[in-house]
N, C-alpha and C. Protein backbone atom coordinates (compact mmCIF):
# COMPACT_ATOMS: atom_id res chain seq x y z
N UNK A 1 1.24 -1.18 0.36
CA UNK A 1 0.10 0.05 -0.18
C UNK A 1 0.75 0.84 -0.18
N UNK A 2 0.18 2.43 -0.69
CA UNK A 2 0.78 3.55 -0.61
C UNK A 2 0.23 4.69 0.37
N UNK A 3 0.34 5.61 0.47
CA UNK A 3 -0.11 6.68 0.98
C UNK A 3 -0.22 7.99 -0.30
N UNK A 4 -0.99 8.72 -0.39
CA UNK A 4 -0.97 9.90 -0.98
C UNK A 4 -1.89 11.27 -0.08
N UNK A 5 -1.28 12.16 0.34
CA UNK A 5 -1.77 13.11 1.10
C UNK A 5 -2.87 13.89 -0.22
N UNK A 6 -4.11 14.38 0.10
CA UNK A 6 -4.91 15.20 -0.72
C UNK A 6 -5.42 16.27 -0.58
N UNK A 7 -5.59 17.19 -1.43
CA UNK A 7 -6.03 18.70 -0.41
C UNK A 7 -7.32 18.51 -1.51
N UNK A 8 -8.57 18.50 -0.63
CA UNK A 8 -9.76 18.60 -1.25
C UNK A 8 -10.40 19.86 -0.86
N UNK A 9 -11.55 20.21 -1.59
CA UNK A 9 -12.25 21.38 -1.14
C UNK A 9 -12.99 21.04 -0.23
N UNK A 10 -13.34 21.59 0.71
CA UNK A 10 -14.43 21.80 1.52
C UNK A 10 -15.74 21.06 1.49
N UNK A 11 -16.24 21.58 0.22
CA UNK A 11 -17.39 21.03 -0.14
C UNK A 11 -17.77 19.57 -0.72
N UNK A 12 -16.42 19.36 -1.10
CA UNK A 12 -16.20 17.97 -1.70
C UNK A 12 -15.74 16.94 -0.67
N UNK A 13 -14.92 17.54 0.09
CA UNK A 13 -14.71 16.51 1.74
C UNK A 13 -16.21 15.97 2.04
N UNK A 14 -17.09 16.95 2.43
CA UNK A 14 -18.39 16.81 3.27
C UNK A 14 -19.19 16.01 2.43
N UNK A 15 -19.28 16.24 0.99
CA UNK A 15 -20.24 15.28 0.52
C UNK A 15 -19.68 13.79 0.61
N UNK A 16 -18.29 13.51 0.24
CA UNK A 16 -17.78 12.46 0.28
C UNK A 16 -17.81 11.66 2.19
N UNK A 17 -17.76 12.48 2.44
CA UNK A 17 -18.54 12.13 4.16
C UNK A 17 -19.52 11.70 4.20
N UNK A 18 -20.75 12.23 3.69
CA UNK A 18 -21.91 12.00 3.35
C UNK A 18 -22.33 11.18 2.89
N UNK A 19 -21.55 10.93 1.62
CA UNK A 19 -21.75 9.88 0.96
C UNK A 19 -21.69 8.48 1.74
N UNK A 20 -20.45 8.39 1.98
CA UNK A 20 -19.47 7.36 3.19
C UNK A 20 -20.53 6.96 4.29
N UNK A 21 -20.76 7.79 4.86
CA UNK A 21 -21.78 7.63 6.35
C UNK A 21 -23.02 6.94 5.57
N UNK A 22 -23.36 7.41 4.67
CA UNK A 22 -24.98 6.77 3.86
C UNK A 22 -24.30 5.25 3.65
N UNK A 23 -23.14 5.25 3.38
CA UNK A 23 -23.11 3.71 2.73
C UNK A 23 -22.48 2.90 4.16
N UNK A 24 -22.52 3.51 5.14
CA UNK A 24 -22.22 2.88 6.40
C UNK A 24 -19.98 2.19 5.82
N UNK A 25 -19.54 2.99 5.73
CA UNK A 25 -17.92 3.18 5.59
C UNK A 25 -17.08 4.35 6.34
N UNK A 26 -16.15 3.94 6.10
CA UNK A 26 -14.89 4.98 6.39
C UNK A 26 -15.12 6.15 5.30
N UNK A 27 -14.57 7.40 5.32
CA UNK A 27 -14.17 8.33 4.18
C UNK A 27 -12.84 7.33 3.34
N UNK A 28 -12.89 6.61 3.76
CA UNK A 28 -11.15 6.25 3.39
C UNK A 28 -11.40 4.87 2.47
N UNK A 29 -12.31 4.44 2.97
CA UNK A 29 -12.88 3.26 2.37
C UNK A 29 -13.75 3.87 1.32
N UNK A 30 -14.09 4.75 1.37
CA UNK A 30 -15.41 5.59 0.32
C UNK A 30 -14.80 5.80 -1.44
N UNK A 31 -13.45 6.75 -0.43
CA UNK A 31 -12.33 7.13 -1.59
C UNK A 31 -12.09 6.35 -2.39
N UNK A 32 -11.69 4.79 -1.65
CA UNK A 32 -10.79 3.61 -2.69
C UNK A 32 -12.17 3.54 -3.21
N UNK A 33 -13.25 3.05 -2.80
CA UNK A 33 -14.07 2.16 -3.77
C UNK A 33 -14.54 3.03 -5.02
N UNK A 34 -14.74 4.06 -5.00
CA UNK A 34 -15.05 5.66 -5.55
C UNK A 34 -14.39 5.12 -6.43
N UNK A 35 -13.05 5.51 -6.50
CA UNK A 35 -11.94 5.12 -7.48
C UNK A 35 -11.70 3.86 -7.89
N UNK A 36 -11.86 3.03 -7.60
CA UNK A 36 -11.50 1.54 -8.24
C UNK A 36 -12.75 1.48 -8.65
N UNK A 37 -14.06 2.15 -8.60
CA UNK A 37 -15.26 1.89 -9.94
C UNK A 37 -14.69 2.79 -10.95
N UNK A 38 -14.39 4.18 -11.02
CA UNK A 38 -14.31 4.71 -11.83
C UNK A 38 -12.57 4.26 -12.89
N UNK A 39 -12.04 3.91 -12.29
CA UNK A 39 -11.13 3.00 -12.55
C UNK A 39 -11.75 1.80 -13.65
N UNK A 40 -12.18 1.24 -12.95
CA UNK A 40 -12.73 0.07 -14.06
C UNK A 40 -13.37 0.12 -14.39
N UNK A 41 -14.35 0.99 -14.62
CA UNK A 41 -15.51 1.57 -15.50
C UNK A 41 -14.72 2.28 -16.74
N UNK A 42 -13.64 3.19 -16.73
CA UNK A 42 -13.23 3.90 -17.89
C UNK A 42 -12.53 2.07 -18.74
N UNK A 43 -11.70 1.14 -17.80
CA UNK A 43 -11.14 0.64 -18.56
C UNK A 43 -12.24 -0.64 -19.22
N UNK A 44 -13.30 -0.17 -18.56
CA UNK A 44 -14.29 -1.26 -19.83
C UNK A 44 -14.84 -0.18 -20.84
N UNK A 45 -14.90 0.72 -20.86
CA UNK A 45 -15.06 1.76 -21.62
C UNK A 45 -14.56 1.35 -22.60
N UNK A 46 -13.25 1.45 -22.49
CA UNK A 46 -11.92 1.68 -23.54
C UNK A 46 -11.57 -0.04 -24.10
N UNK A 47 -11.96 -1.44 -23.64
CA UNK A 47 -12.02 -2.17 -24.06
C UNK A 47 -13.95 -2.20 -24.68
N UNK A 48 -14.52 -1.76 -24.40
CA UNK A 48 -15.87 -1.73 -24.77
C UNK A 48 -15.20 -1.16 -27.15
N UNK A 49 -14.67 0.07 -27.06
CA UNK A 49 -14.54 0.78 -28.30
C UNK A 49 -13.71 -0.15 -28.79
N UNK A 50 -12.83 -0.87 -28.34
CA UNK A 50 -11.74 -1.91 -28.85
C UNK A 50 -12.35 -3.52 -29.82
N UNK A 51 -13.69 -3.69 -28.87
CA UNK A 51 -14.56 -5.12 -29.12
C UNK A 51 -14.71 -3.96 -30.29
N UNK A 52 -15.70 -2.71 -30.30
CA UNK A 52 -16.63 -2.34 -31.07
C UNK A 52 -15.73 -2.52 -32.56
N UNK A 53 -15.14 -2.10 -32.68
CA UNK A 53 -13.74 -1.62 -33.99
C UNK A 53 -13.71 -2.59 -34.86
N UNK A 54 -13.20 -4.02 -33.51
CA UNK A 54 -13.08 -5.09 -34.22
C UNK A 54 -13.83 -5.84 -34.62
N UNK A 55 -15.47 -5.97 -33.91
CA UNK A 55 -16.18 -6.17 -34.97
C UNK A 55 -17.08 -6.01 -35.89
N UNK A 56 -16.72 -4.53 -36.52
CA UNK A 56 -16.61 -3.79 -37.75
C UNK A 56 -15.75 -4.18 -38.51
N UNK A 57 -14.83 -4.79 -38.37
CA UNK A 57 -13.73 -4.97 -39.53
C UNK A 57 -14.33 -6.57 -39.68
N UNK A 58 -14.92 -7.38 -39.30
CA UNK A 58 -15.06 -8.45 -39.87
C UNK A 58 -16.87 -9.15 -39.98
N UNK A 59 -16.98 -9.95 -41.04
CA UNK A 59 -18.83 -10.24 -40.68
C UNK A 59 -19.38 -10.84 -39.89
N UNK A 60 -20.02 -10.80 -39.23
CA UNK A 60 -20.91 -11.23 -38.14
C UNK A 60 -20.65 -12.41 -37.82
N UNK A 61 -20.54 -13.17 -38.57
CA UNK A 61 -20.79 -14.77 -38.10
C UNK A 61 -18.99 -15.25 -38.15
N UNK A 62 -17.82 -14.27 -38.87
CA UNK A 62 -16.57 -14.28 -38.25
C UNK A 62 -16.45 -13.82 -36.72
N UNK A 63 -17.10 -12.55 -36.43
CA UNK A 63 -16.85 -12.16 -34.93
C UNK A 63 -17.85 -13.19 -34.47
N UNK A 64 -18.66 -13.75 -34.40
CA UNK A 64 -19.11 -14.41 -33.48
C UNK A 64 -18.05 -15.51 -33.09
N UNK A 65 -17.43 -16.52 -34.01
CA UNK A 65 -16.26 -16.94 -34.14
C UNK A 65 -15.35 -16.62 -33.53
N UNK A 66 -14.30 -15.73 -33.85
CA UNK A 66 -13.69 -15.16 -32.70
C UNK A 66 -14.08 -15.06 -31.59
N UNK A 67 -15.10 -14.40 -31.13
CA UNK A 67 -15.22 -13.66 -29.73
C UNK A 67 -15.44 -15.33 -28.98
N UNK A 68 -16.11 -16.54 -29.82
CA UNK A 68 -16.29 -17.46 -28.89
C UNK A 68 -14.82 -18.27 -28.76
N UNK A 69 -14.10 -17.69 -29.70
CA UNK A 69 -12.22 -18.65 -29.47
C UNK A 69 -12.00 -17.63 -28.61
N UNK A 70 -12.20 -17.15 -28.54
CA UNK A 70 -11.18 -16.41 -27.40
C UNK A 70 -11.67 -16.00 -25.90
N UNK A 71 -12.87 -16.15 -25.86
CA UNK A 71 -13.71 -16.43 -24.46
C UNK A 71 -13.03 -17.43 -24.12
N UNK A 72 -13.21 -19.21 -25.08
CA UNK A 72 -13.14 -20.12 -24.85
C UNK A 72 -11.51 -20.66 -24.03
N UNK A 73 -10.29 -19.44 -24.66
CA UNK A 73 -9.09 -20.02 -24.09
C UNK A 73 -8.60 -18.98 -23.18
N UNK A 74 -9.60 -17.90 -22.38
CA UNK A 74 -9.64 -17.61 -21.09
C UNK A 74 -9.30 -17.96 -20.17
N UNK A 75 -8.30 -17.78 -18.88
CA UNK A 75 -8.37 -18.51 -17.80
C UNK A 75 -9.55 -18.35 -17.04
N UNK A 76 -9.74 -18.86 -16.10
CA UNK A 76 -10.87 -18.74 -15.17
C UNK A 76 -10.03 -18.10 -14.13
């Protein structure tokens, strides 16, 4: 783990504290959770763009076959 000192506007900190309290977690955990969701969502969006670009390069039957092959080769 590493540490990071953040300077937040008071209004942002207050809102984060309210949301953390509503979720029943500490401010620290709420911020880590929120950042994790943001990073994960942006990664999924990037993956979706690549997937859509790739599927537009091939006829539908070839794209479906490639997807099935890719999914079957994934590690659990």
